[in-house]
PDB file of N, CA and C in Angstrom:
ATOM      1  N   MET A   1       0.830  -1.177   0.000  1.00  0.00           N
ATOM      2  CA  MET A   1       0.000   0.000   0.000  1.00  0.00           C
ATOM      3  C   MET A   1       0.880   1.247   0.000  1.00  0.00           C
ATOM      4  N   VAL A   2       0.574   2.166  -0.890  1.00  0.00           N
ATOM      5  CA  VAL A   2       1.374   3.392  -0.976  1.00  0.00           C
ATOM      6  C   VAL A   2       0.751   4.555  -0.212  1.00  0.00           C
ATOM      7  N   ARG A   3      -0.485   4.399   0.228  1.00  0.00           N
ATOM      8  CA  ARG A   3      -1.187   5.435   0.990  1.00  0.00           C
ATOM      9  C   ARG A   3      -1.203   6.762   0.237  1.00  0.00           C
ATOM     10  N   LEU A   4      -1.701   6.726  -0.988  1.00  0.00           N
ATOM     11  CA  LEU A   4      -1.792   7.945  -1.792  1.00  0.00           C
ATOM     12  C   LEU A   4      -2.570   9.042  -1.075  1.00  0.00           C
ATOM     13  N   GLY A   5      -3.599   8.661  -0.343  1.00  0.00           N
ATOM     14  CA  GLY A   5      -4.452   9.639   0.327  1.00  0.00           C
ATOM     15  C   GLY A   5      -3.913  10.198   1.628  1.00  0.00           C
ATOM     16  N   GLN A   6      -2.648   9.947   1.920  1.00  0.00           N
ATOM     17  CA  GLN A   6      -2.041  10.440   3.159  1.00  0.00           C
ATOM     18  C   GLN A   6      -2.253  11.940   3.303  1.00  0.00           C
ATOM     19  N   GLY A   7      -3.036  12.335   4.304  1.00  0.00           N
ATOM     20  CA  GLY A   7      -3.218  13.748   4.627  1.00  0.00           C
ATOM     21  C   GLY A   7      -4.121  14.530   3.703  1.00  0.00           C
ATOM     22  N   VAL A   8      -4.686  13.905   2.666  1.00  0.00           N
ATOM     23  CA  VAL A   8      -5.484  14.673   1.703  1.00  0.00           C
ATOM     24  C   VAL A   8      -6.738  15.263   2.343  1.00  0.00           C
ATOM     25  N   ASP A   9      -7.312  14.582   3.310  1.00  0.00           N
ATOM     26  CA  ASP A   9      -8.493  15.131   3.984  1.00  0.00           C
ATOM     27  C   ASP A   9      -8.148  16.379   4.786  1.00  0.00           C
ATOM     28  N   ARG A  10      -6.937  16.420   5.311  1.00  0.00           N
ATOM     29  CA  ARG A  10      -6.483  17.558   6.122  1.00  0.00           C
ATOM     30  C   ARG A  10      -5.988  18.712   5.267  1.00  0.00           C
ATOM     31  N   THR A  11      -5.189  18.397   4.226  1.00  0.00           N
ATOM     32  CA  THR A  11      -4.522  19.449   3.447  1.00  0.00           C
ATOM     33  C   THR A  11      -5.206  19.773   2.125  1.00  0.00           C
ATOM     34  N   GLY A  12      -6.004  18.821   1.624  1.00  0.00           N
ATOM     35  CA  GLY A  12      -6.628  19.019   0.316  1.00  0.00           C
ATOM     36  C   GLY A  12      -5.706  18.684  -0.843  1.00  0.00           C
ATOM     37  N   GLU A  13      -4.510  18.176  -0.543  1.00  0.00           N
ATOM     38  CA  GLU A  13      -3.539  17.840  -1.589  1.00  0.00           C
ATOM     39  C   GLU A  13      -2.898  16.485  -1.307  1.00  0.00           C
ATOM     40  N   LEU A  14      -2.429  15.866  -2.385  1.00  0.00           N
ATOM     41  CA  LEU A  14      -1.661  14.636  -2.261  1.00  0.00           C
ATOM     42  C   LEU A  14      -0.266  15.011  -1.770  1.00  0.00           C
ATOM     43  N   ALA A  15       0.187  14.345  -0.726  1.00  0.00           N
ATOM     44  CA  ALA A  15       1.496  14.659  -0.138  1.00  0.00           C
ATOM     45  C   ALA A  15       2.624  14.245  -1.084  1.00  0.00           C
ATOM     46  N   PRO A  16       3.697  15.035  -1.154  1.00  0.00           N
ATOM     47  CA  PRO A  16       4.821  14.691  -2.031  1.00  0.00           C
ATOM     48  C   PRO A  16       5.361  13.285  -1.791  1.00  0.00           C
ATOM     49  N   GLU A  17       5.468  12.876  -0.518  1.00  0.00           N
ATOM     50  CA  GLU A  17       5.988  11.539  -0.242  1.00  0.00           C
ATOM     51  C   GLU A  17       5.008  10.449  -0.677  1.00  0.00           C
ATOM     52  N   ALA A  18       3.716  10.740  -0.636  1.00  0.00           N
ATOM     53  CA  ALA A  18       2.721   9.782  -1.124  1.00  0.00           C
ATOM     54  C   ALA A  18       2.813   9.652  -2.648  1.00  0.00           C
ATOM     55  N   LEU A  19       3.025  10.769  -3.322  1.00  0.00           N
ATOM     56  CA  LEU A  19       3.211  10.725  -4.776  1.00  0.00           C
ATOM     57  C   LEU A  19       4.462   9.934  -5.136  1.00  0.00           C
ATOM     58  N   GLU A  20       5.544  10.135  -4.384  1.00  0.00           N
ATOM     59  CA  GLU A  20       6.784   9.388  -4.641  1.00  0.00           C
ATOM     60  C   GLU A  20       6.551   7.886  -4.510  1.00  0.00           C
ATOM     61  N   ARG A  21       5.854   7.478  -3.443  1.00  0.00           N
ATOM     62  CA  ARG A  21       5.574   6.051  -3.240  1.00  0.00           C
ATOM     63  C   ARG A  21       4.705   5.507  -4.366  1.00  0.00           C
ATOM     64  N   THR A  22       3.729   6.293  -4.772  1.00  0.00           N
ATOM     65  CA  THR A  22       2.817   5.870  -5.836  1.00  0.00           C
ATOM     66  C   THR A  22       3.563   5.723  -7.156  1.00  0.00           C
ATOM     67  N   PHE A  23       4.406   6.693  -7.477  1.00  0.00           N
ATOM     68  CA  PHE A  23       5.156   6.626  -8.736  1.00  0.00           C
ATOM     69  C   PHE A  23       6.150   5.458  -8.729  1.00  0.00           C
ATOM     70  N   ALA A  24       6.728   5.149  -7.571  1.00  0.00           N
ATOM     71  CA  ALA A  24       7.615   3.988  -7.478  1.00  0.00           C
ATOM     72  C   ALA A  24       6.841   2.700  -7.755  1.00  0.00           C
ATOM     73  N   ALA A  25       5.629   2.608  -7.222  1.00  0.00           N
ATOM     74  CA  ALA A  25       4.787   1.432  -7.492  1.00  0.00           C
ATOM     75  C   ALA A  25       4.418   1.373  -8.971  1.00  0.00           C
ATOM     76  N   CYS A  26       4.129   2.526  -9.571  1.00  0.00           N
ATOM     77  CA  CYS A  26       3.820   2.568 -11.009  1.00  0.00           C
ATOM     78  C   CYS A  26       5.007   2.095 -11.836  1.00  0.00           C
ATOM     79  N   ASP A  27       6.206   2.469 -11.427  1.00  0.00           N
ATOM     80  CA  ASP A  27       7.404   2.003 -12.135  1.00  0.00           C
ATOM     81  C   ASP A  27       7.505   0.482 -12.081  1.00  0.00           C
ATOM     82  N   GLU A  28       7.193  -0.102 -10.917  1.00  0.00           N
ATOM     83  CA  GLU A  28       7.211  -1.565 -10.793  1.00  0.00           C
ATOM     84  C   GLU A  28       6.151  -2.201 -11.691  1.00  0.00           C
ATOM     85  N   TYR A  29       4.947  -1.620 -11.700  1.00  0.00           N
ATOM     86  CA  TYR A  29       3.892  -2.138 -12.562  1.00  0.00           C
ATOM     87  C   TYR A  29       4.271  -2.006 -14.034  1.00  0.00           C
ATOM     88  N   ALA A  30       4.897  -0.900 -14.398  1.00  0.00           N
ATOM     89  CA  ALA A  30       5.306  -0.706 -15.796  1.00  0.00           C
ATOM     90  C   ALA A  30       6.256  -1.811 -16.225  1.00  0.00           C
ATOM     91  N   ALA A  31       7.171  -2.200 -15.349  1.00  0.00           N
ATOM     92  CA  ALA A  31       8.099  -3.286 -15.671  1.00  0.00           C
ATOM     93  C   ALA A  31       7.356  -4.605 -15.839  1.00  0.00           C
ATOM     94  N   LEU A  32       6.396  -4.881 -14.967  1.00  0.00           N
ATOM     95  CA  LEU A  32       5.607  -6.114 -15.083  1.00  0.00           C
ATOM     96  C   LEU A  32       4.760  -6.120 -16.355  1.00  0.00           C
ATOM     97  N   ILE A  33       4.184  -4.970 -16.671  1.00  0.00           N
ATOM     98  CA  ILE A  33       3.371  -4.849 -17.882  1.00  0.00           C
ATOM     99  C   ILE A  33       4.213  -5.141 -19.114  1.00  0.00           C
ATOM    100  N   ALA A  34       5.406  -4.587 -19.155  1.00  0.00           N
ATOM    101  CA  ALA A  34       6.305  -4.829 -20.288  1.00  0.00           C
ATOM    102  C   ALA A  34       6.742  -6.295 -20.338  1.00  0.00           C
ATOM    103  N   GLN A  35       7.058  -6.852 -19.193  1.00  0.00           N
ATOM    104  CA  GLN A  35       7.514  -8.240 -19.110  1.00  0.00           C
ATOM    105  C   GLN A  35       6.450  -9.217 -19.607  1.00  0.00           C
ATOM    106  N   HIS A  36       5.193  -8.917 -19.306  1.00  0.00           N
ATOM    107  CA  HIS A  36       4.108  -9.837 -19.650  1.00  0.00           C
ATOM    108  C   HIS A  36       3.370  -9.441 -20.925  1.00  0.00           C
ATOM    109  N   LEU A  37       3.924  -8.494 -21.650  1.00  0.00           N
ATOM    110  CA  LEU A  37       3.381  -8.083 -22.949  1.00  0.00           C
ATOM    111  C   LEU A  37       1.903  -7.695 -22.880  1.00  0.00           C
ATOM    112  N   VAL A  38       1.557  -6.958 -21.845  1.00  0.00           N
ATOM    113  CA  VAL A  38       0.184  -6.486 -21.675  1.00  0.00           C
ATOM    114  C   VAL A  38      -0.131  -5.483 -22.776  1.00  0.00           C
ATOM    115  N   THR A  39      -1.297  -5.616 -23.385  1.00  0.00           N
ATOM    116  CA  THR A  39      -1.654  -4.732 -24.493  1.00  0.00           C
ATOM    117  C   THR A  39      -2.687  -3.679 -24.116  1.00  0.00           C
ATOM    118  N   ARG A  40      -3.359  -3.852 -22.979  1.00  0.00           N
ATOM    119  CA  ARG A  40      -4.377  -2.883 -22.584  1.00  0.00           C
ATOM    120  C   ARG A  40      -4.337  -2.693 -21.070  1.00  0.00           C
ATOM    121  N   VAL A  41      -4.293  -1.449 -20.646  1.00  0.00           N
ATOM    122  CA  VAL A  41      -4.221  -1.131 -19.220  1.00  0.00           C
ATOM    123  C   VAL A  41      -5.301  -0.116 -18.892  1.00  0.00           C
ATOM    124  N   ARG A  42      -5.974  -0.334 -17.783  1.00  0.00           N
ATOM    125  CA  ARG A  42      -6.872   0.675 -17.224  1.00  0.00           C
ATOM    126  C   ARG A  42      -6.372   0.969 -15.830  1.00  0.00           C
ATOM    127  N   PHE A  43      -6.056   2.209 -15.578  1.00  0.00           N
ATOM    128  CA  PHE A  43      -5.576   2.640 -14.272  1.00  0.00           C
ATOM    129  C   PHE A  43      -6.689   3.459 -13.639  1.00  0.00           C
ATOM    130  N   CYS A  44      -7.287   2.941 -12.592  1.00  0.00           N
ATOM    131  CA  CYS A  44      -8.382   3.646 -11.920  1.00  0.00           C
ATOM    132  C   CYS A  44      -7.854   4.391 -10.705  1.00  0.00           C
ATOM    133  N   ALA A  45      -8.309   5.599 -10.565  1.00  0.00           N
ATOM    134  CA  ALA A  45      -8.005   6.397  -9.384  1.00  0.00           C
ATOM    135  C   ALA A  45      -9.308   6.616  -8.631  1.00  0.00           C
ATOM    136  N   THR A  46      -9.205   6.717  -7.329  1.00  0.00           N
ATOM    137  CA  THR A  46     -10.417   6.778  -6.521  1.00  0.00           C
ATOM    138  C   THR A  46     -10.470   8.051  -5.682  1.00  0.00           C
ATOM    139  N   SER A  47     -10.970   7.951  -4.469  1.00  0.00           N
ATOM    140  CA  SER A  47     -11.328   9.127  -3.679  1.00  0.00           C
ATOM    141  C   SER A  47     -10.189  10.119  -3.467  1.00  0.00           C
ATOM    142  N   ALA A  48      -8.987   9.662  -3.213  1.00  0.00           N
ATOM    143  CA  ALA A  48      -7.887  10.611  -2.978  1.00  0.00           C
ATOM    144  C   ALA A  48      -7.653  11.481  -4.205  1.00  0.00           C
ATOM    145  N   ALA A  49      -7.674  10.888  -5.388  1.00  0.00           N
ATOM    146  CA  ALA A  49      -7.460  11.656  -6.619  1.00  0.00           C
ATOM    147  C   ALA A  49      -8.637  12.591  -6.900  1.00  0.00           C
ATOM    148  N   ARG A  50      -9.831  12.163  -6.536  1.00  0.00           N
ATOM    149  CA  ARG A  50     -11.009  13.026  -6.717  1.00  0.00           C
ATOM    150  C   ARG A  50     -10.941  14.231  -5.804  1.00  0.00           C
ATOM    151  N   ASP A  51     -10.444  14.032  -4.583  1.00  0.00           N
ATOM    152  CA  ASP A  51     -10.477  15.072  -3.558  1.00  0.00           C
ATOM    153  C   ASP A  51      -9.320  16.061  -3.629  1.00  0.00           C
ATOM    154  N   ALA A  52      -8.216  15.683  -4.239  1.00  0.00           N
ATOM    155  CA  ALA A  52      -6.979  16.477  -4.170  1.00  0.00           C
ATOM    156  C   ALA A  52      -6.939  17.606  -5.190  1.00  0.00           C
ATOM    157  N   ARG A  53      -6.498  18.770  -4.733  1.00  0.00           N
ATOM    158  CA  ARG A  53      -6.313  19.912  -5.631  1.00  0.00           C
ATOM    159  C   ARG A  53      -5.185  19.670  -6.626  1.00  0.00           C
ATOM    160  N   ASN A  54      -4.195  18.878  -6.233  1.00  0.00           N
ATOM    161  CA  ASN A  54      -3.048  18.626  -7.101  1.00  0.00           C
ATOM    162  C   ASN A  54      -3.160  17.272  -7.813  1.00  0.00           C
ATOM    163  N   GLY A  55      -4.369  16.862  -8.083  1.00  0.00           N
ATOM    164  CA  GLY A  55      -4.598  15.596  -8.767  1.00  0.00           C
ATOM    165  C   GLY A  55      -3.940  15.531 -10.138  1.00  0.00           C
ATOM    166  N   GLU A  56      -3.729  16.664 -10.790  1.00  0.00           N
ATOM    167  CA  GLU A  56      -3.097  16.670 -12.114  1.00  0.00           C
ATOM    168  C   GLU A  56      -1.639  16.216 -12.035  1.00  0.00           C
ATOM    169  N   VAL A  57      -0.956  16.534 -10.947  1.00  0.00           N
ATOM    170  CA  VAL A  57       0.420  16.065 -10.759  1.00  0.00           C
ATOM    171  C   VAL A  57       0.429  14.541 -10.730  1.00  0.00           C
ATOM    172  N   PHE A  58      -0.512  13.980 -10.004  1.00  0.00           N
ATOM    173  CA  PHE A  58      -0.664  12.529  -9.930  1.00  0.00           C
ATOM    174  C   PHE A  58      -0.971  11.945 -11.312  1.00  0.00           C
ATOM    175  N   ALA A  59      -1.964  12.513 -11.996  1.00  0.00           N
ATOM    176  CA  ALA A  59      -2.371  11.993 -13.305  1.00  0.00           C
ATOM    177  C   ALA A  59      -1.226  12.049 -14.309  1.00  0.00           C
ATOM    178  N   ALA A  60      -0.499  13.151 -14.331  1.00  0.00           N
ATOM    179  CA  ALA A  60       0.619  13.294 -15.271  1.00  0.00           C
ATOM    180  C   ALA A  60       1.735  12.294 -14.954  1.00  0.00           C
ATOM    181  N   GLY A  61       1.999  12.060 -13.672  1.00  0.00           N
ATOM    182  CA  GLY A  61       3.030  11.110 -13.282  1.00  0.00           C
ATOM    183  C   GLY A  61       2.684   9.682 -13.661  1.00  0.00           C
ATOM    184  N   VAL A  62       1.427   9.325 -13.486  1.00  0.00           N
ATOM    185  CA  VAL A  62       0.970   7.982 -13.882  1.00  0.00           C
ATOM    186  C   VAL A  62       1.075   7.829 -15.394  1.00  0.00           C
ATOM    187  N   GLU A  63       0.606   8.825 -16.123  1.00  0.00           N
ATOM    188  CA  GLU A  63       0.642   8.746 -17.586  1.00  0.00           C
ATOM    189  C   GLU A  63       2.082   8.639 -18.103  1.00  0.00           C
ATOM    190  N   ALA A  64       2.991   9.370 -17.485  1.00  0.00           N
ATOM    191  CA  ALA A  64       4.393   9.308 -17.911  1.00  0.00           C
ATOM    192  C   ALA A  64       4.986   7.915 -17.713  1.00  0.00           C
ATOM    193  N   ARG A  65       4.532   7.220 -16.688  1.00  0.00           N
ATOM    194  CA  ARG A  65       5.098   5.913 -16.370  1.00  0.00           C
ATOM    195  C   ARG A  65       4.380   4.753 -17.061  1.00  0.00           C
ATOM    196  N   LEU A  66       3.067   4.863 -17.212  1.00  0.00           N
ATOM    197  CA  LEU A  66       2.278   3.743 -17.722  1.00  0.00           C
ATOM    198  C   LEU A  66       1.662   3.986 -19.097  1.00  0.00           C
ATOM    199  N   GLY A  67       1.713   5.222 -19.555  1.00  0.00           N
ATOM    200  CA  GLY A  67       1.170   5.517 -20.878  1.00  0.00           C
ATOM    201  C   GLY A  67      -0.339   5.663 -20.930  1.00  0.00           C
ATOM    202  N   VAL A  68      -0.992   5.684 -19.779  1.00  0.00           N
ATOM    203  CA  VAL A  68      -2.451   5.891 -19.718  1.00  0.00           C
ATOM    204  C   VAL A  68      -2.766   6.923 -18.649  1.00  0.00           C
ATOM    205  N   ARG A  69      -3.809   7.702 -18.898  1.00  0.00           N
ATOM    206  CA  ARG A  69      -4.295   8.645 -17.887  1.00  0.00           C
ATOM    207  C   ARG A  69      -5.131   7.877 -16.882  1.00  0.00           C
ATOM    208  N   PRO A  70      -5.014   8.203 -15.617  1.00  0.00           N
ATOM    209  CA  PRO A  70      -5.888   7.559 -14.632  1.00  0.00           C
ATOM    210  C   PRO A  70      -7.351   7.892 -14.921  1.00  0.00           C
ATOM    211  N   ASP A  71      -8.173   6.886 -14.804  1.00  0.00           N
ATOM    212  CA  ASP A  71      -9.616   7.032 -14.927  1.00  0.00           C
ATOM    213  C   ASP A  71     -10.137   7.264 -13.513  1.00  0.00           C
ATOM    214  N   VAL A  72     -10.491   8.511 -13.197  1.00  0.00           N
ATOM    215  CA  VAL A  72     -10.965   8.825 -11.852  1.00  0.00           C
ATOM    216  C   VAL A  72     -12.430   8.405 -11.772  1.00  0.00           C
ATOM    217  N   VAL A  73     -12.674   7.327 -11.041  1.00  0.00           N
ATOM    218  CA  VAL A  73     -14.006   6.741 -10.990  1.00  0.00           C
ATOM    219  C   VAL A  73     -14.840   7.389  -9.901  1.00  0.00           C
ATOM    220  N   ALA A  74     -16.141   7.346 -10.103  1.00  0.00           N
ATOM    221  CA  ALA A  74     -17.082   7.860  -9.110  1.00  0.00           C
ATOM    222  C   ALA A  74     -17.138   6.909  -7.921  1.00  0.00           C
ATOM    223  N   GLY A  75     -17.684   7.380  -6.832  1.00  0.00           N
ATOM    224  CA  GLY A  75     -17.745   6.590  -5.610  1.00  0.00           C
ATOM    225  C   GLY A  75     -18.441   5.252  -5.764  1.00  0.00           C
ATOM    226  N   VAL A  76     -19.515   5.209  -6.548  1.00  0.00           N
ATOM    227  CA  VAL A  76     -20.250   3.957  -6.746  1.00  0.00           C
ATOM    228  C   VAL A  76     -19.368   2.927  -7.447  1.00  0.00           C
ATOM    229  N   GLU A  77     -18.676   3.330  -8.517  1.00  0.00           N
ATOM    230  CA  GLU A  77     -17.800   2.386  -9.208  1.00  0.00           C
ATOM    231  C   GLU A  77     -16.627   1.990  -8.319  1.00  0.00           C
ATOM    232  N   GLU A  78     -16.119   2.916  -7.523  1.00  0.00           N
ATOM    233  CA  GLU A  78     -15.039   2.588  -6.593  1.00  0.00           C
ATOM    234  C   GLU A  78     -15.474   1.454  -5.664  1.00  0.00           C
ATOM    235  N   ALA A  79     -16.684   1.543  -5.138  1.00  0.00           N
ATOM    236  CA  ALA A  79     -17.193   0.490  -4.253  1.00  0.00           C
ATOM    237  C   ALA A  79     -17.327  -0.832  -4.998  1.00  0.00           C
ATOM    238  N   GLN A  80     -17.829  -0.777  -6.229  1.00  0.00           N
ATOM    239  CA  GLN A  80     -17.978  -2.004  -7.014  1.00  0.00           C
ATOM    240  C   GLN A  80     -16.621  -2.644  -7.295  1.00  0.00           C
ATOM    241  N   LEU A  81     -15.637  -1.844  -7.652  1.00  0.00           N
ATOM    242  CA  LEU A  81     -14.303  -2.379  -7.919  1.00  0.00           C
ATOM    243  C   LEU A  81     -13.682  -2.971  -6.658  1.00  0.00           C
ATOM    244  N   SER A  82     -13.935  -2.359  -5.516  1.00  0.00           N
ATOM    245  CA  SER A  82     -13.391  -2.873  -4.260  1.00  0.00           C
ATOM    246  C   SER A  82     -13.952  -4.248  -3.944  1.00  0.00           C
ATOM    247  N   VAL A  83     -15.224  -4.446  -4.207  1.00  0.00           N
ATOM    248  CA  VAL A  83     -15.866  -5.735  -3.961  1.00  0.00           C
ATOM    249  C   VAL A  83     -15.285  -6.795  -4.876  1.00  0.00           C
ATOM    250  N   ARG A  84     -14.973  -6.428  -6.132  1.00  0.00           N
ATOM    251  CA  ARG A  84     -14.489  -7.399  -7.106  1.00  0.00           C
ATOM    252  C   ARG A  84     -12.983  -7.616  -7.052  1.00  0.00           C
ATOM    253  N   ARG A  85     -12.256  -6.947  -6.176  1.00  0.00           N
ATOM    254  CA  ARG A  85     -10.797  -7.067  -6.138  1.00  0.00           C
ATOM    255  C   ARG A  85     -10.401  -8.423  -5.562  1.00  0.00           C
ATOM    256  N   ARG A  86     -10.401  -9.413  -6.413  1.00  0.00           N
ATOM    257  CA  ARG A  86      -9.991 -10.772  -6.080  1.00  0.00           C
ATOM    258  C   ARG A  86      -9.560 -11.437  -7.373  1.00  0.00           C
ATOM    259  N   PRO A  87      -8.971 -12.602  -7.329  1.00  0.00           N
ATOM    260  CA  PRO A  87      -8.522 -13.226  -8.581  1.00  0.00           C
ATOM    261  C   PRO A  87      -9.653 -13.290  -9.601  1.00  0.00           C
ATOM    262  N   CYS A  88      -9.322 -12.956 -10.830  1.00  0.00           N
ATOM    263  CA  CYS A  88     -10.342 -12.809 -11.861  1.00  0.00           C
ATOM    264  C   CYS A  88     -11.151 -14.073 -12.083  1.00  0.00           C
ATOM    265  N   ALA A  89     -10.581 -15.227 -11.838  1.00  0.00           N
ATOM    266  CA  ALA A  89     -11.298 -16.473 -12.097  1.00  0.00           C
ATOM    267  C   ALA A  89     -12.556 -16.580 -11.250  1.00  0.00           C
ATOM    268  N   THR A  90     -12.620 -15.850 -10.142  1.00  0.00           N
ATOM    269  CA  THR A  90     -13.794 -15.951  -9.290  1.00  0.00           C
ATOM    270  C   THR A  90     -14.938 -15.069  -9.760  1.00  0.00           C
ATOM    271  N   TRP A  91     -14.661 -14.111 -10.654  1.00  0.00           N
ATOM    272  CA  TRP A  91     -15.748 -13.237 -11.092  1.00  0.00           C
ATOM    273  C   TRP A  91     -15.791 -12.979 -12.582  1.00  0.00           C
ATOM    274  N   LEU A  92     -14.748 -13.305 -13.308  1.00  0.00           N
ATOM    275  CA  LEU A  92     -14.727 -13.080 -14.749  1.00  0.00           C
ATOM    276  C   LEU A  92     -14.012 -14.242 -15.405  1.00  0.00           C
ATOM    277  N   PRO A  93     -14.681 -14.917 -16.340  1.00  0.00           N
ATOM    278  CA  PRO A  93     -14.004 -16.041 -16.982  1.00  0.00           C
ATOM    279  C   PRO A  93     -12.740 -15.573 -17.704  1.00  0.00           C
ATOM    280  N   CYS A  94     -11.626 -16.176 -17.387  1.00  0.00           N
ATOM    281  CA  CYS A  94     -10.364 -15.837 -18.026  1.00  0.00           C
ATOM    282  C   CYS A  94     -10.120 -16.765 -19.201  1.00  0.00           C
ATOM    283  N   THR A  95      -9.792 -16.186 -20.298  1.00  0.00           N
ATOM    284  CA  THR A  95      -9.387 -16.939 -21.475  1.00  0.00           C
ATOM    285  C   THR A  95      -8.107 -16.283 -21.971  1.00  0.00           C
ATOM    286  N   PRO A  96      -7.382 -16.905 -22.879  1.00  0.00           N
ATOM    287  CA  PRO A  96      -6.184 -16.239 -23.402  1.00  0.00           C
ATOM    288  C   PRO A  96      -6.491 -14.883 -24.023  1.00  0.00           C
ATOM    289  N   ALA A  97      -7.715 -14.705 -24.525  1.00  0.00           N
ATOM    290  CA  ALA A  97      -8.066 -13.444 -25.174  1.00  0.00           C
ATOM    291  C   ALA A  97      -8.544 -12.395 -24.189  1.00  0.00           C
ATOM    292  N   ARG A  98      -9.024 -12.828 -23.020  1.00  0.00           N
ATOM    293  CA  ARG A  98      -9.602 -11.855 -22.094  1.00  0.00           C
ATOM    294  C   ARG A  98      -9.368 -12.301 -20.663  1.00  0.00           C
ATOM    295  N   CYS A  99      -8.592 -11.547 -19.961  1.00  0.00           N
ATOM    296  CA  CYS A  99      -8.390 -11.812 -18.544  1.00  0.00           C
ATOM    297  C   CYS A  99      -8.250 -10.472 -17.851  1.00  0.00           C
ATOM    298  N   SER A 100      -8.892 -10.332 -16.735  1.00  0.00           N
ATOM    299  CA  SER A 100      -8.853  -9.075 -16.008  1.00  0.00           C
ATOM    300  C   SER A 100      -8.255  -9.309 -14.628  1.00  0.00           C
ATOM    301  N   TRP A 101      -7.463  -8.365 -14.183  1.00  0.00           N
ATOM    302  CA  TRP A 101      -6.861  -8.429 -12.858  1.00  0.00           C
ATOM    303  C   TRP A 101      -6.947  -7.048 -12.251  1.00  0.00           C
ATOM    304  N   SER A 102      -7.304  -6.967 -11.024  1.00  0.00           N
ATOM    305  CA  SER A 102      -7.456  -5.684 -10.369  1.00  0.00           C
ATOM    306  C   SER A 102      -6.665  -5.684  -9.075  1.00  0.00           C
ATOM    307  N   THR A 103      -6.017  -4.572  -8.824  1.00  0.00           N
ATOM    308  CA  THR A 103      -5.316  -4.429  -7.554  1.00  0.00           C
ATOM    309  C   THR A 103      -5.377  -2.961  -7.145  1.00  0.00           C
ATOM    310  N   SER A 104      -5.136  -2.718  -5.914  1.00  0.00           N
ATOM    311  CA  SER A 104      -5.100  -1.352  -5.416  1.00  0.00           C
ATOM    312  C   SER A 104      -3.764  -1.152  -4.720  1.00  0.00           C
ATOM    313  N   VAL A 105      -3.110  -0.073  -5.046  1.00  0.00           N
ATOM    314  CA  VAL A 105      -1.851   0.238  -4.364  1.00  0.00           C
ATOM    315  C   VAL A 105      -2.026   1.431  -3.440  1.00  0.00           C
ATOM    316  N   ALA A 106      -3.129   2.128  -3.567  1.00  0.00           N
ATOM    317  CA  ALA A 106      -3.265   3.390  -2.855  1.00  0.00           C
ATOM    318  C   ALA A 106      -3.440   3.202  -1.361  1.00  0.00           C
ATOM    319  N   GLY A 107      -4.556   2.747  -0.917  1.00  0.00           N
ATOM    320  CA  GLY A 107      -4.811   2.566   0.491  1.00  0.00           C
ATOM    321  C   GLY A 107      -4.985   3.882   1.220  1.00  0.00           C
ATOM    322  N   ARG A 108      -6.117   4.102   1.800  1.00  0.00           N
ATOM    323  CA  ARG A 108      -6.411   5.330   2.534  1.00  0.00           C
ATOM    324  C   ARG A 108      -5.850   5.181   3.950  1.00  0.00           C
ATOM    325  N   PRO A 109      -5.205   6.186   4.499  1.00  0.00           N
ATOM    326  CA  PRO A 109      -4.668   6.071   5.855  1.00  0.00           C
ATOM    327  C   PRO A 109      -5.774   5.951   6.880  1.00  0.00           C
ATOM    328  N   ASN A 110      -5.469   5.364   8.022  1.00  0.00           N
ATOM    329  CA  ASN A 110      -6.470   5.226   9.105  1.00  0.00           C
ATOM    330  C   ASN A 110      -6.790   6.565   9.694  1.00  0.00           C
TER     331      ASN A 110
END
């Protein structure tokens, strides 16, 4: 967990150290994506990115590393994605042509 939302409720901005942790995780994902020849990526951002005044810094950093802009999802979709965050075989039939995997690196602080 990178805790992207660290302090965002208090300051209204994503903390520099949270952005650094997030971008480091994106770099790791970029390497895995390249290694596994992934052809399509969807990067979802949730409440911290919606709430932060400096969300563009986050979006630009993700795009620079992964080649896609974060899709800032609404609260309802965020909840749906959270429920489905488990191995794809349990909720979506995986075939060589179509397999979905979801993970969250952000994590909201306590």
